[in-house]
N, C-alpha and C. Protein backbone atom coordinates (compact mmCIF):
# COMPACT_ATOMS: atom_id res chain seq x y z
N MET A 1 72.91 82.74 107.71
CA MET A 1 73.65 82.61 106.55
C MET A 1 74.27 81.16 106.66
N SER A 2 74.02 80.36 105.57
CA SER A 2 74.55 79.02 105.56
C SER A 2 76.17 78.85 105.43
N ASP A 3 76.51 77.70 106.07
CA ASP A 3 78.07 77.34 105.98
C ASP A 3 78.54 77.52 104.64
N LYS A 4 77.70 77.07 103.66
CA LYS A 4 78.27 77.21 102.15
C LYS A 4 78.50 78.59 101.81
N LYS A 5 77.56 79.54 101.98
CA LYS A 5 77.57 80.79 101.61
C LYS A 5 78.74 81.51 102.28
N ARG A 6 79.05 81.28 103.57
CA ARG A 6 79.98 81.64 104.15
C ARG A 6 81.46 81.26 103.81
N GLY A 7 81.52 79.99 103.29
CA GLY A 7 82.69 79.58 102.84
C GLY A 7 83.06 80.21 101.45
N ILE A 8 82.04 80.46 100.61
CA ILE A 8 82.14 81.17 99.48
C ILE A 8 82.73 82.52 99.70
N GLY A 9 82.16 83.19 100.69
CA GLY A 9 82.77 84.55 101.14
C GLY A 9 84.22 84.61 101.48
N PHE A 10 84.43 83.55 102.24
CA PHE A 10 85.97 83.42 102.57
C PHE A 10 86.74 83.22 101.46
N ARG A 11 86.46 82.29 100.57
CA ARG A 11 86.98 82.13 99.43
C ARG A 11 87.40 83.40 98.60
N TYR A 12 86.30 84.04 98.39
CA TYR A 12 86.34 85.38 97.64
C TYR A 12 87.38 86.34 98.48
N ALA A 13 87.23 86.34 99.67
CA ALA A 13 88.18 87.43 100.46
C ALA A 13 89.69 87.02 100.23
N TRP A 14 89.99 85.59 100.36
CA TRP A 14 91.27 84.96 100.19
C TRP A 14 91.80 85.21 98.74
N SER A 15 90.89 85.02 97.73
CA SER A 15 91.26 85.28 96.41
C SER A 15 91.61 86.76 96.18
N GLY A 16 90.89 87.84 96.92
CA GLY A 16 91.16 89.10 96.57
C GLY A 16 92.56 89.43 97.39
N LEU A 17 92.85 88.92 98.62
CA LEU A 17 94.04 88.97 99.41
C LEU A 17 95.38 88.44 98.48
N LYS A 18 95.20 87.19 97.97
CA LYS A 18 96.32 86.89 97.03
C LYS A 18 96.41 87.50 95.91
N GLN A 19 95.34 88.12 95.35
CA GLN A 19 95.50 88.98 94.02
C GLN A 19 96.37 90.15 94.37
N ILE A 20 96.00 90.80 95.35
CA ILE A 20 96.73 92.15 95.82
C ILE A 20 98.18 91.87 96.16
N ILE A 21 98.23 90.75 96.89
CA ILE A 21 99.70 90.49 97.05
C ILE A 21 100.56 90.14 95.84
N ARG A 22 99.98 89.55 95.00
CA ARG A 22 100.67 89.08 93.59
C ARG A 22 100.72 90.26 92.79
N MET A 23 99.78 91.22 92.78
CA MET A 23 99.81 92.16 91.59
C MET A 23 100.20 93.59 92.10
N GLU A 24 100.10 93.94 93.21
CA GLU A 24 100.22 95.33 93.63
C GLU A 24 101.73 95.61 94.35
N LYS A 25 102.40 96.19 93.52
CA LYS A 25 103.91 96.38 93.90
C LYS A 25 103.83 97.36 95.38
N ASN A 26 103.05 98.25 95.51
CA ASN A 26 103.01 98.95 96.84
C ASN A 26 102.53 98.15 97.96
N PHE A 27 101.62 97.24 97.73
CA PHE A 27 101.09 96.32 98.88
C PHE A 27 102.43 95.44 99.24
N GLN A 28 103.19 94.98 98.09
CA GLN A 28 104.32 94.22 98.42
C GLN A 28 105.30 94.88 99.21
N VAL A 29 105.49 96.23 98.98
CA VAL A 29 106.40 96.88 99.74
C VAL A 29 105.96 97.02 101.20
N HIS A 30 104.59 97.57 101.57
CA HIS A 30 104.12 97.50 102.71
C HIS A 30 104.26 96.34 103.62
N LEU A 31 104.07 94.93 102.88
CA LEU A 31 104.33 93.73 103.39
C LEU A 31 105.75 93.51 103.93
N GLY A 32 106.47 94.00 103.02
CA GLY A 32 108.05 93.75 103.34
C GLY A 32 108.38 94.62 104.50
N VAL A 33 107.85 95.91 104.65
CA VAL A 33 108.27 96.67 105.76
C VAL A 33 107.60 96.22 107.12
N ALA A 34 106.43 95.68 107.00
CA ALA A 34 105.64 95.04 108.15
C ALA A 34 106.43 93.82 108.62
N PHE A 35 106.85 93.07 107.78
CA PHE A 35 107.74 91.99 108.13
C PHE A 35 109.17 92.35 108.85
N LEU A 36 109.72 93.40 108.41
CA LEU A 36 110.97 93.80 109.01
C LEU A 36 110.66 94.44 110.34
N VAL A 37 109.43 95.33 110.58
CA VAL A 37 109.05 95.82 111.69
C VAL A 37 108.77 94.74 112.82
N ILE A 38 107.97 93.67 112.39
CA ILE A 38 107.77 92.53 113.21
C ILE A 38 108.82 91.82 113.74
N ILE A 39 109.94 91.63 112.88
CA ILE A 39 111.28 91.03 113.34
C ILE A 39 111.83 92.02 114.26
N ALA A 40 111.90 93.34 114.04
CA ALA A 40 112.41 94.31 115.05
C ALA A 40 111.78 94.23 116.35
N GLY A 41 110.34 94.05 116.29
CA GLY A 41 109.61 93.93 117.56
C GLY A 41 110.09 92.65 118.52
N PHE A 42 110.36 91.66 117.63
CA PHE A 42 110.83 90.30 118.49
C PHE A 42 112.27 90.76 118.85
N TYR A 43 113.07 91.43 118.17
CA TYR A 43 114.45 91.56 118.44
C TYR A 43 114.42 92.33 119.76
N PHE A 44 113.67 93.54 119.63
CA PHE A 44 113.82 94.58 120.85
C PHE A 44 112.93 94.22 122.03
N GLN A 45 112.16 93.04 121.81
CA GLN A 45 111.24 92.62 122.89
C GLN A 45 110.29 93.61 123.41
N ILE A 46 109.47 94.18 122.25
CA ILE A 46 108.74 95.31 122.68
C ILE A 46 107.58 94.80 123.60
N SER A 47 107.03 95.90 124.37
CA SER A 47 105.91 95.49 125.24
C SER A 47 104.65 95.12 124.50
N ARG A 48 103.69 94.55 125.46
CA ARG A 48 102.22 94.13 124.84
C ARG A 48 101.71 95.40 124.25
N PHE A 49 101.65 96.44 124.92
CA PHE A 49 101.11 97.81 124.32
C PHE A 49 101.70 98.27 123.11
N GLU A 50 103.15 98.27 123.22
CA GLU A 50 103.80 98.48 121.91
C GLU A 50 103.42 97.58 120.69
N TRP A 51 103.36 96.20 120.97
CA TRP A 51 102.75 95.29 120.03
C TRP A 51 101.41 95.76 119.46
N ILE A 52 100.47 96.11 120.37
CA ILE A 52 99.43 96.56 119.99
C ILE A 52 99.24 97.79 118.94
N ALA A 53 100.07 98.65 119.37
CA ALA A 53 100.30 99.94 118.47
C ALA A 53 100.88 99.48 117.30
N VAL A 54 101.80 98.73 117.05
CA VAL A 54 102.54 98.32 115.94
C VAL A 54 101.52 97.51 114.91
N ILE A 55 100.85 96.46 115.83
CA ILE A 55 99.97 95.72 114.70
C ILE A 55 98.77 96.45 114.10
N ILE A 56 98.20 97.48 114.91
CA ILE A 56 97.19 98.35 114.50
C ILE A 56 97.78 99.19 113.39
N SER A 57 98.93 99.87 113.49
CA SER A 57 99.59 100.55 112.51
C SER A 57 99.77 99.81 111.21
N ILE A 58 100.24 98.70 111.31
CA ILE A 58 100.44 97.88 110.10
C ILE A 58 99.17 97.45 109.31
N GLY A 59 98.18 97.10 110.29
CA GLY A 59 96.95 96.83 109.72
C GLY A 59 96.12 97.93 108.97
N MET A 60 96.25 99.25 109.54
CA MET A 60 95.60 100.49 109.05
C MET A 60 96.39 100.60 107.55
N VAL A 61 97.57 100.48 107.64
CA VAL A 61 98.37 100.82 106.04
C VAL A 61 98.04 99.66 105.26
N LEU A 62 97.98 98.49 105.48
CA LEU A 62 97.44 97.48 104.67
C LEU A 62 95.95 97.54 104.26
N ILE A 63 95.19 97.87 105.16
CA ILE A 63 93.82 98.12 104.85
C ILE A 63 93.74 99.24 103.94
N CYS A 64 94.34 100.36 104.21
CA CYS A 64 94.13 101.52 103.28
C CYS A 64 94.64 101.30 101.91
N GLU A 65 95.69 100.54 101.76
CA GLU A 65 96.38 100.25 100.46
C GLU A 65 95.35 99.47 99.75
N MET A 66 94.60 98.37 100.43
CA MET A 66 93.67 97.58 99.65
C MET A 66 92.59 98.48 99.27
N ILE A 67 91.92 99.21 100.07
CA ILE A 67 90.75 100.23 99.75
C ILE A 67 91.13 101.09 98.59
N ASN A 68 92.48 101.64 98.78
CA ASN A 68 93.00 102.39 97.65
C ASN A 68 92.94 101.64 96.26
N THR A 69 93.47 100.44 96.21
CA THR A 69 93.35 99.55 95.02
C THR A 69 92.06 99.35 94.53
N ALA A 70 91.25 99.06 95.49
CA ALA A 70 89.88 98.75 94.88
C ALA A 70 89.29 99.98 94.29
N ILE A 71 89.36 100.92 94.98
CA ILE A 71 88.84 102.42 94.42
C ILE A 71 89.47 102.59 93.01
N GLU A 72 90.60 102.58 92.87
CA GLU A 72 91.39 102.71 91.64
C GLU A 72 91.06 101.76 90.58
N SER A 73 90.97 100.52 91.01
CA SER A 73 90.44 99.49 89.88
C SER A 73 89.05 99.81 89.57
N PHE A 74 88.19 100.01 90.37
CA PHE A 74 86.84 100.34 90.08
C PHE A 74 86.64 101.60 89.19
N LEU A 75 87.43 102.61 89.63
CA LEU A 75 87.30 103.66 88.68
C LEU A 75 87.85 103.55 87.18
N ASP A 76 88.84 102.77 87.17
CA ASP A 76 89.43 102.44 85.79
C ASP A 76 88.53 101.52 85.01
N TYR A 77 87.74 100.65 85.83
CA TYR A 77 86.72 99.98 85.05
C TYR A 77 85.56 100.70 84.56
N VAL A 78 85.12 101.64 85.29
CA VAL A 78 84.01 102.30 85.09
C VAL A 78 84.35 103.57 84.32
N ARG A 79 85.42 104.16 84.39
CA ARG A 79 85.76 105.33 83.68
C ARG A 79 87.28 105.35 83.12
N PRO A 80 87.38 104.64 82.20
CA PRO A 80 88.92 104.28 81.68
C PRO A 80 89.69 105.61 81.16
N GLN A 81 88.71 106.41 80.57
CA GLN A 81 89.36 107.74 80.29
C GLN A 81 89.58 108.55 81.35
N ILE A 82 90.70 109.55 81.19
CA ILE A 82 91.05 110.44 82.35
C ILE A 82 89.81 111.42 82.57
N HIS A 83 89.53 111.52 83.70
CA HIS A 83 88.53 112.38 84.08
C HIS A 83 88.80 113.21 85.44
N PRO A 84 88.63 114.57 85.55
CA PRO A 84 89.01 115.27 86.83
C PRO A 84 88.34 114.62 87.96
N ALA A 85 87.22 114.14 88.07
CA ALA A 85 86.42 113.76 89.20
C ALA A 85 87.19 112.45 89.53
N ALA A 86 87.37 111.56 88.63
CA ALA A 86 88.01 110.34 88.95
C ALA A 86 89.51 110.44 89.50
N LYS A 87 90.33 111.48 88.97
CA LYS A 87 91.44 111.75 89.28
C LYS A 87 91.37 112.21 90.86
N LEU A 88 90.56 113.13 91.10
CA LEU A 88 90.23 113.54 92.41
C LEU A 88 90.16 112.48 93.53
N ILE A 89 89.25 111.51 93.11
CA ILE A 89 88.73 110.51 94.01
C ILE A 89 90.00 109.56 94.25
N LYS A 90 90.93 109.20 93.15
CA LYS A 90 92.04 108.32 93.25
C LYS A 90 92.89 109.12 94.22
N ASP A 91 93.35 110.48 93.89
CA ASP A 91 94.29 111.27 94.79
C ASP A 91 93.94 111.25 96.19
N ILE A 92 92.63 111.32 96.49
CA ILE A 92 92.07 111.27 97.81
C ILE A 92 92.43 109.86 98.50
N ALA A 93 92.24 108.86 97.70
CA ALA A 93 92.43 107.40 98.22
C ALA A 93 93.64 107.30 98.49
N ALA A 94 94.58 107.63 97.63
CA ALA A 94 96.01 107.46 97.78
C ALA A 94 96.56 108.44 98.92
N GLY A 95 96.01 109.46 99.16
CA GLY A 95 96.15 110.24 100.25
C GLY A 95 95.93 109.57 101.65
N ALA A 96 94.96 108.83 101.58
CA ALA A 96 94.55 108.00 102.78
C ALA A 96 95.77 107.04 103.12
N VAL A 97 96.07 106.55 102.09
CA VAL A 97 97.49 105.56 102.40
C VAL A 97 98.62 106.38 102.91
N LEU A 98 98.94 107.55 102.37
CA LEU A 98 99.94 108.25 102.83
C LEU A 98 99.75 108.68 104.24
N VAL A 99 98.68 108.99 104.69
CA VAL A 99 98.28 109.36 106.11
C VAL A 99 98.59 108.25 106.89
N ALA A 100 97.91 107.03 106.70
CA ALA A 100 98.22 105.94 107.40
C ALA A 100 99.64 105.43 107.41
N ALA A 101 100.28 105.69 106.46
CA ALA A 101 101.76 105.11 106.48
C ALA A 101 102.59 106.24 107.36
N MET A 102 102.35 107.62 107.38
CA MET A 102 103.08 108.48 108.03
C MET A 102 102.75 108.28 109.66
N MET A 103 101.35 107.85 109.85
CA MET A 103 101.10 107.47 111.38
C MET A 103 101.90 106.42 111.82
N ALA A 104 102.19 105.39 110.91
CA ALA A 104 102.79 104.30 111.13
C ALA A 104 104.18 104.47 111.32
N VAL A 105 104.82 105.43 110.73
CA VAL A 105 106.21 106.02 110.82
C VAL A 105 106.46 106.51 112.16
N VAL A 106 105.65 107.44 112.56
CA VAL A 106 105.65 108.06 113.89
C VAL A 106 105.43 107.08 114.91
N ILE A 107 104.49 106.19 114.86
CA ILE A 107 104.33 105.28 116.03
C ILE A 107 105.63 104.21 116.16
N GLY A 108 106.16 103.94 114.83
CA GLY A 108 107.44 103.23 114.86
C GLY A 108 108.59 103.93 115.45
N CYS A 109 108.65 105.13 115.34
CA CYS A 109 109.59 105.83 115.87
C CYS A 109 109.49 105.95 117.38
N ILE A 110 108.40 106.10 117.87
CA ILE A 110 107.95 106.25 119.35
C ILE A 110 108.43 104.78 119.96
N VAL A 111 108.13 104.04 119.17
CA VAL A 111 108.24 102.50 119.84
C VAL A 111 109.88 102.14 119.72
N PHE A 112 110.46 102.35 118.75
CA PHE A 112 111.77 101.74 118.31
C PHE A 112 112.96 102.66 118.61
N LEU A 113 112.78 104.03 118.41
CA LEU A 113 113.99 104.93 118.71
C LEU A 113 114.63 104.85 120.04
N PRO A 114 113.63 104.81 120.89
CA PRO A 114 114.41 104.72 122.42
C PRO A 114 115.25 103.42 122.53
N LYS A 115 114.72 102.43 121.93
CA LYS A 115 115.41 101.08 122.02
C LYS A 115 116.74 101.10 121.13
N ILE A 116 116.63 101.72 120.03
CA ILE A 116 117.85 101.80 119.06
C ILE A 116 118.83 102.71 119.88
N LYS A 117 118.36 103.77 120.55
CA LYS A 117 119.39 104.66 121.07
C LYS A 117 120.22 103.95 122.27
N ILE A 118 119.32 103.06 123.10
CA ILE A 118 120.18 102.23 124.04
C ILE A 118 121.13 101.29 123.55
N LEU A 119 120.72 100.66 122.38
CA LEU A 119 121.65 99.49 121.64
C LEU A 119 122.78 100.33 121.15
N LEU A 120 122.72 101.65 120.64
CA LEU A 120 123.81 102.31 120.26
C LEU A 120 124.54 103.01 121.27
N GLY A 121 124.20 102.91 122.57
CA GLY A 121 124.89 103.54 123.62
C GLY A 121 124.62 105.16 123.69
N LEU A 122 123.58 105.68 123.14
CA LEU A 122 123.43 107.07 122.98
C LEU A 122 122.63 107.52 124.22
């Protein structure tokens, strides 16, 4: 692959990332929560292993949200009228985001609750 084609691919990828940040409220919420979790990670000085778990969790939620948005946008383009199959596909994609977010919450609790308990003297 030529450097020019690779550069074009990166441009498209950055464009997609900028668009989802600008246009998708749920993605903005996920980014905001991720930012707060990262600040908490520095505050509580979490271990290298805990950082790995937190970063993977954040990445999974953001990736799932991006894939969900792409699927929804594609279906809205191909099938603008409501159709049971399109609804099922959208619901499953949204469910993937929910599962990733729930896993991230569980990992966040495992990482941060013991540190919060110590901070509160419990």
